[in-house]
C-alpha atoms as a PDB file:
ATOM      1  CA  MET A   1      48.295 -45.115 -21.710  1.00  0.00           C
ATOM      2  CA  LEU A   2      44.980 -45.400 -21.831  1.00  0.00           C
ATOM      3  CA  ALA A   3      44.429 -44.346 -18.025  1.00  0.00           C
ATOM      4  CA  LEU A   4      46.691 -41.445 -18.645  1.00  0.00           C
ATOM      5  CA  ASN A   5      43.877 -40.563 -21.497  1.00  0.00           C
ATOM      6  CA  ALA A   6      40.818 -41.208 -19.580  1.00  0.00           C
ATOM      7  CA  ALA A   7      42.684 -38.980 -16.369  1.00  0.00           C
ATOM      8  CA  ILE A   8      43.000 -35.958 -19.021  1.00  0.00           C
ATOM      9  CA  GLU A   9      39.552 -35.936 -20.522  1.00  0.00           C
ATOM     10  CA  SER A  10      38.012 -36.476 -17.060  1.00  0.00           C
ATOM     11  CA  ALA A  11      39.861 -33.466 -16.171  1.00  0.00           C
ATOM     12  CA  ARG A  12      38.752 -31.422 -19.144  1.00  0.00           C
ATOM     13  CA  ALA A  13      35.332 -32.541 -18.381  1.00  0.00           C
ATOM     14  CA  GLY A  14      35.270 -31.477 -15.081  1.00  0.00           C
ATOM     15  CA  GLU A  15      36.881 -28.023 -16.029  1.00  0.00           C
ATOM     16  CA  GLY A  16      33.651 -27.473 -18.365  1.00  0.00           C
ATOM     17  CA  VAL A  17      31.528 -28.388 -15.583  1.00  0.00           C
ATOM     18  CA  ALA A  18      33.014 -26.130 -12.884  1.00  0.00           C
ATOM     19  CA  ASP A  19      33.187 -22.949 -15.451  1.00  0.00           C
ATOM     20  CA  GLU A  20      29.520 -23.918 -16.014  1.00  0.00           C
ATOM     21  CA  VAL A  21      28.615 -24.100 -12.187  1.00  0.00           C
ATOM     22  CA  ARG A  22      30.487 -20.653 -11.782  1.00  0.00           C
ATOM     23  CA  THR A  23      28.389 -18.817 -14.636  1.00  0.00           C
ATOM     24  CA  LEU A  24      25.101 -20.541 -12.934  1.00  0.00           C
ATOM     25  CA  THR A  25      26.620 -19.419  -9.988  1.00  0.00           C
ATOM     26  CA  GLU A  26      27.390 -15.843 -10.813  1.00  0.00           C
ATOM     27  CA  ASP A  27      23.709 -15.833 -13.005  1.00  0.00           C
ATOM     28  CA  ALA A  28      22.047 -16.483  -9.904  1.00  0.00           C
ATOM     29  CA  SER A  29      23.650 -13.664  -7.684  1.00  0.00           C
ATOM     30  CA  ASN A  30      22.983 -11.134 -10.245  1.00  0.00           C
ATOM     31  CA  ALA A  31      19.208 -12.143 -10.391  1.00  0.00           C
ATOM     32  CA  ALA A  32      19.332 -11.827  -6.781  1.00  0.00           C
ATOM     33  CA  ASN A  33      20.806  -8.907  -6.512  1.00  0.00           C
ATOM     34  CA  HIS A  34      18.165  -7.538  -9.457  1.00  0.00           C
ATOM     35  CA  ILE A  35      15.350  -9.069  -7.387  1.00  0.00           C
ATOM     36  CA  SER A  36      17.037  -7.184  -3.675  1.00  0.00           C
ATOM     37  CA  GLN A  37      16.759  -3.987  -5.984  1.00  0.00           C
ATOM     38  CA  LEU A  38      13.028  -4.248  -7.570  1.00  0.00           C
ATOM     39  CA  ILE A  39      12.365  -5.071  -4.183  1.00  0.00           C
ATOM     40  CA  SER A  40      13.678  -1.703  -2.782  1.00  0.00           C
ATOM     41  CA  GLU A  41      11.771  -0.088  -5.507  1.00  0.00           C
ATOM     42  CA  ILE A  42       8.430  -1.439  -4.558  1.00  0.00           C
ATOM     43  CA  LYS A  43       9.367  -0.553  -1.223  1.00  0.00           C
ATOM     44  CA  GLN A  44       9.439   3.200  -1.793  1.00  0.00           C
ATOM     45  CA  ASP A  45       6.411   3.374  -4.170  1.00  0.00           C
ATOM     46  CA  ILE A  46       4.545   1.427  -1.206  1.00  0.00           C
ATOM     47  CA  SER A  47       5.714   3.856   1.461  1.00  0.00           C
ATOM     48  CA  GLN A  48       4.699   6.757  -1.054  1.00  0.00           C
ATOM     49  CA  ALA A  49       1.106   5.089  -1.003  1.00  0.00           C
ATOM     50  CA  VAL A  50       1.030   4.997   2.569  1.00  0.00           C
ATOM     51  CA  ASP A  51       2.048   8.634   2.993  1.00  0.00           C
ATOM     52  CA  SER A  52      -0.568  10.066   0.200  1.00  0.00           C
ATOM     53  CA  THR A  53      -3.334   7.541   1.964  1.00  0.00           C
ATOM     54  CA  THR A  54      -2.530   9.101   5.123  1.00  0.00           C
ATOM     55  CA  ASP A  55      -2.691  12.753   3.521  1.00  0.00           C
ATOM     56  CA  LYS A  56      -6.260  11.665   1.905  1.00  0.00           C
ATOM     57  CA  TYR A  57      -7.265   9.883   5.079  1.00  0.00           C
ATOM     58  CA  GLU A  58      -6.820  13.071   7.107  1.00  0.00           C
ATOM     59  CA  ALA A  59      -8.238  15.010   4.304  1.00  0.00           C
ATOM     60  CA  VAL A  60     -11.340  12.812   4.668  1.00  0.00           C
ATOM     61  CA  LYS A  61     -11.567  13.503   8.601  1.00  0.00           C
ATOM     62  CA  ASN A  62     -11.296  17.332   8.083  1.00  0.00           C
ATOM     63  CA  GLY A  63     -14.311  16.858   5.389  1.00  0.00           C
ATOM     64  CA  THR A  64     -15.976  15.171   7.674  1.00  0.00           C
ATOM     65  CA  SER A  65     -15.815  17.988  10.476  1.00  0.00           C
ATOM     66  CA  LEU A  66     -16.557  20.238   8.320  1.00  0.00           C
ATOM     67  CA  VAL A  67     -20.207  18.405   7.018  1.00  0.00           C
ATOM     68  CA  SER A  68     -20.832  18.003  10.932  1.00  0.00           C
ATOM     69  CA  GLU A  69     -20.039  21.718  11.568  1.00  0.00           C
ATOM     70  CA  ALA A  70     -22.262  22.472   8.897  1.00  0.00           C
ATOM     71  CA  GLY A  71     -24.940  20.254   9.542  1.00  0.00           C
ATOM     72  CA  GLU A  72     -24.942  21.957  12.998  1.00  0.00           C
ATOM     73  CA  ALA A  73     -25.226  25.243  11.627  1.00  0.00           C
ATOM     74  CA  PHE A  74     -28.214  23.753   9.335  1.00  0.00           C
ATOM     75  CA  ARG A  75     -29.853  22.713  12.562  1.00  0.00           C
ATOM     76  CA  SER A  76     -29.509  25.793  14.355  1.00  0.00           C
ATOM     77  CA  ILE A  77     -31.311  27.713  11.563  1.00  0.00           C
ATOM     78  CA  LEU A  78     -33.868  25.315  11.600  1.00  0.00           C
ATOM     79  CA  GLN A  79     -34.795  25.736  15.113  1.00  0.00           C
ATOM     80  CA  ALA A  80     -34.781  29.627  14.385  1.00  0.00           C
ATOM     81  CA  VAL A  81     -37.251  29.097  11.163  1.00  0.00           C
ATOM     82  CA  GLN A  82     -39.476  27.308  13.763  1.00  0.00           C
ATOM     83  CA  SER A  83     -39.226  29.655  16.164  1.00  0.00           C
ATOM     84  CA  VAL A  84     -40.079  32.604  13.627  1.00  0.00           C
ATOM     85  CA  SER A  85     -43.021  30.465  12.330  1.00  0.00           C
ATOM     86  CA  GLU A  86     -44.388  30.031  16.526  1.00  0.00           C
ATOM     87  CA  GLN A  87     -44.683  33.998  16.382  1.00  0.00           C
ATOM     88  CA  THR A  88     -46.085  35.214  13.293  1.00  0.00           C
ATOM     89  CA  ASN A  89     -49.508  33.592  11.798  1.00  0.00           C
ATOM     90  CA  GLU A  90     -48.422  35.024   7.931  1.00  0.00           C
ATOM     91  CA  ALA A  91     -45.256  33.168   8.133  1.00  0.00           C
ATOM     92  CA  THR A  92     -46.785  29.909   8.434  1.00  0.00           C
ATOM     93  CA  SER A  93     -46.955  28.481   4.857  1.00  0.00           C
ATOM     94  CA  ILE A  94     -43.472  30.003   4.248  1.00  0.00           C
ATOM     95  CA  SER A  95     -42.133  28.296   7.369  1.00  0.00           C
ATOM     96  CA  THR A  96     -43.450  24.958   6.168  1.00  0.00           C
ATOM     97  CA  GLU A  97     -41.753  25.241   2.627  1.00  0.00           C
ATOM     98  CA  VAL A  98     -38.724  26.432   4.569  1.00  0.00           C
ATOM     99  CA  GLU A  99     -39.036  23.515   6.982  1.00  0.00           C
ATOM    100  CA  SER A 100     -39.192  21.111   4.638  1.00  0.00           C
ATOM    101  CA  VAL A 101     -36.292  22.478   2.053  1.00  0.00           C
ATOM    102  CA  MET A 102     -34.295  22.169   5.663  1.00  0.00           C
ATOM    103  CA  GLY A 103     -35.182  18.586   6.337  1.00  0.00           C
ATOM    104  CA  THR A 104     -34.326  17.894   3.142  1.00  0.00           C
ATOM    105  CA  LEU A 105     -30.663  19.640   3.217  1.00  0.00           C
ATOM    106  CA  LEU A 106     -30.300  17.770   6.631  1.00  0.00           C
ATOM    107  CA  ASN A 107     -31.073  14.488   5.160  1.00  0.00           C
ATOM    108  CA  SER A 108     -28.413  15.271   2.565  1.00  0.00           C
ATOM    109  CA  ILE A 109     -25.989  16.362   4.946  1.00  0.00           C
ATOM    110  CA  ASP A 110     -26.413  13.010   7.381  1.00  0.00           C
ATOM    111  CA  GLN A 111     -26.191  11.147   4.002  1.00  0.00           C
ATOM    112  CA  ILE A 112     -22.849  12.937   3.270  1.00  0.00           C
ATOM    113  CA  SER A 113     -21.250  12.557   6.184  1.00  0.00           C
ATOM    114  CA  SER A 114     -22.612   9.021   6.451  1.00  0.00           C
ATOM    115  CA  LEU A 115     -20.445   8.559   3.065  1.00  0.00           C
ATOM    116  CA  TYR A 116     -17.293  10.685   4.600  1.00  0.00           C
ATOM    117  CA  GLU A 117     -17.339   7.926   7.346  1.00  0.00           C
ATOM    118  CA  LYS A 118     -17.474   4.834   5.102  1.00  0.00           C
ATOM    119  CA  LEU A 119     -14.594   6.751   3.174  1.00  0.00           C
ATOM    120  CA  ALA A 120     -12.722   7.138   6.473  1.00  0.00           C
ATOM    121  CA  ILE A 121     -13.139   3.261   7.317  1.00  0.00           C
ATOM    122  CA  HIS A 122     -12.404   2.670   3.986  1.00  0.00           C
ATOM    123  CA  SER A 123      -8.919   4.583   3.902  1.00  0.00           C
ATOM    124  CA  GLY A 124      -7.933   3.134   7.195  1.00  0.00           C
ATOM    125  CA  GLU A 125      -8.580  -0.768   5.613  1.00  0.00           C
ATOM    126  CA  ILE A 126      -6.176   0.537   2.740  1.00  0.00           C
ATOM    127  CA  ALA A 127      -3.730   1.983   5.274  1.00  0.00           C
ATOM    128  CA  THR A 128      -3.611  -1.413   7.097  1.00  0.00           C
ATOM    129  CA  THR A 129      -3.501  -3.352   3.890  1.00  0.00           C
ATOM    130  CA  THR A 130      -0.568  -1.161   2.645  1.00  0.00           C
ATOM    131  CA  GLU A 131       1.151  -2.103   5.711  1.00  0.00           C
ATOM    132  CA  GLU A 132       0.764  -5.510   5.171  1.00  0.00           C
ATOM    133  CA  GLN A 133       2.235  -5.402   1.416  1.00  0.00           C
ATOM    134  CA  THR A 134       4.967  -3.483   2.999  1.00  0.00           C
ATOM    135  CA  ALA A 135       5.460  -6.422   5.598  1.00  0.00           C
ATOM    136  CA  THR A 136       5.368  -9.047   2.933  1.00  0.00           C
ATOM    137  CA  VAL A 137       7.866  -7.219   0.392  1.00  0.00           C
ATOM    138  CA  ASP A 138      10.388  -6.986   3.468  1.00  0.00           C
ATOM    139  CA  GLU A 139       9.593 -10.939   3.921  1.00  0.00           C
ATOM    140  CA  VAL A 140      10.747 -11.508   0.398  1.00  0.00           C
ATOM    141  CA  ALA A 141      13.807  -8.738   0.406  1.00  0.00           C
ATOM    142  CA  SER A 142      14.866 -10.717   3.725  1.00  0.00           C
ATOM    143  CA  ALA A 143      14.447 -14.064   1.391  1.00  0.00           C
ATOM    144  CA  ALA A 144      16.219 -12.520  -1.511  1.00  0.00           C
ATOM    145  CA  LYS A 145      19.245 -11.674   0.630  1.00  0.00           C
ATOM    146  CA  ASN A 146      19.160 -15.146   1.934  1.00  0.00           C
ATOM    147  CA  LEU A 147      19.860 -16.839  -1.549  1.00  0.00           C
ATOM    148  CA  SER A 148      22.125 -13.990  -2.656  1.00  0.00           C
ATOM    149  CA  ASP A 149      24.499 -15.154   0.551  1.00  0.00           C
ATOM    150  CA  ILE A 150      24.016 -18.622  -0.585  1.00  0.00           C
ATOM    151  CA  ALA A 151      24.771 -17.899  -4.351  1.00  0.00           C
ATOM    152  CA  GLU A 152      27.849 -15.949  -2.248  1.00  0.00           C
ATOM    153  CA  ASP A 153      28.823 -19.451  -0.511  1.00  0.00           C
ATOM    154  CA  LEU A 154      28.397 -21.650  -3.301  1.00  0.00           C
ATOM    155  CA  ARG A 155      30.709 -19.215  -5.512  1.00  0.00           C
ATOM    156  CA  GLY A 156      33.400 -19.657  -2.826  1.00  0.00           C
ATOM    157  CA  GLU A 157      32.990 -23.801  -2.670  1.00  0.00           C
ATOM    158  CA  ILE A 158      33.162 -24.161  -6.149  1.00  0.00           C
ATOM    159  CA  GLY A 159      36.429 -21.926  -6.274  1.00  0.00           C
ATOM    160  CA  LYS A 160      37.718 -24.495  -4.225  1.00  0.00           C
ATOM    161  CA  PHE A 161      37.450 -27.086  -7.227  1.00  0.00           C
ATOM    162  CA  THR A 162      39.316 -25.212  -9.953  1.00  0.00           C
ATOM    163  CA  VAL A 163      42.109 -27.778 -11.675  1.00  0.00           C
END
């Protein structure tokens, strides 16, 4: 009689453990699905950031080109001013002032051009970093998928032990 009682109590305890394991498996599966959803959202955000960075990089490239063209235009103007100053003695002092201003403008343009080039380099680095982050998110998504598969397998195995 004691052995029968012990067997009944043992079966009841086994059912409780099986229920608890099922509950934990479902929770793990739900958490893995939630993580997978979050990763998808992050990937979409990163994709949008990459697109935005690419657009900004193109704008910086165009700006750099325009600054270079303006620099060439200012260089041409400077040459014309120098030519006029050689031809007229009266304009010598004015030409010197214009030359100084143009030199300052050229220096400023060169500095702006240098800044645009640096910005273009940094934009490329940002794009590279964003691509690396996208690859990392893909790895995390794969790991979450594996975790979800394991949870499903565990749920199937637990189902075999139903009393």
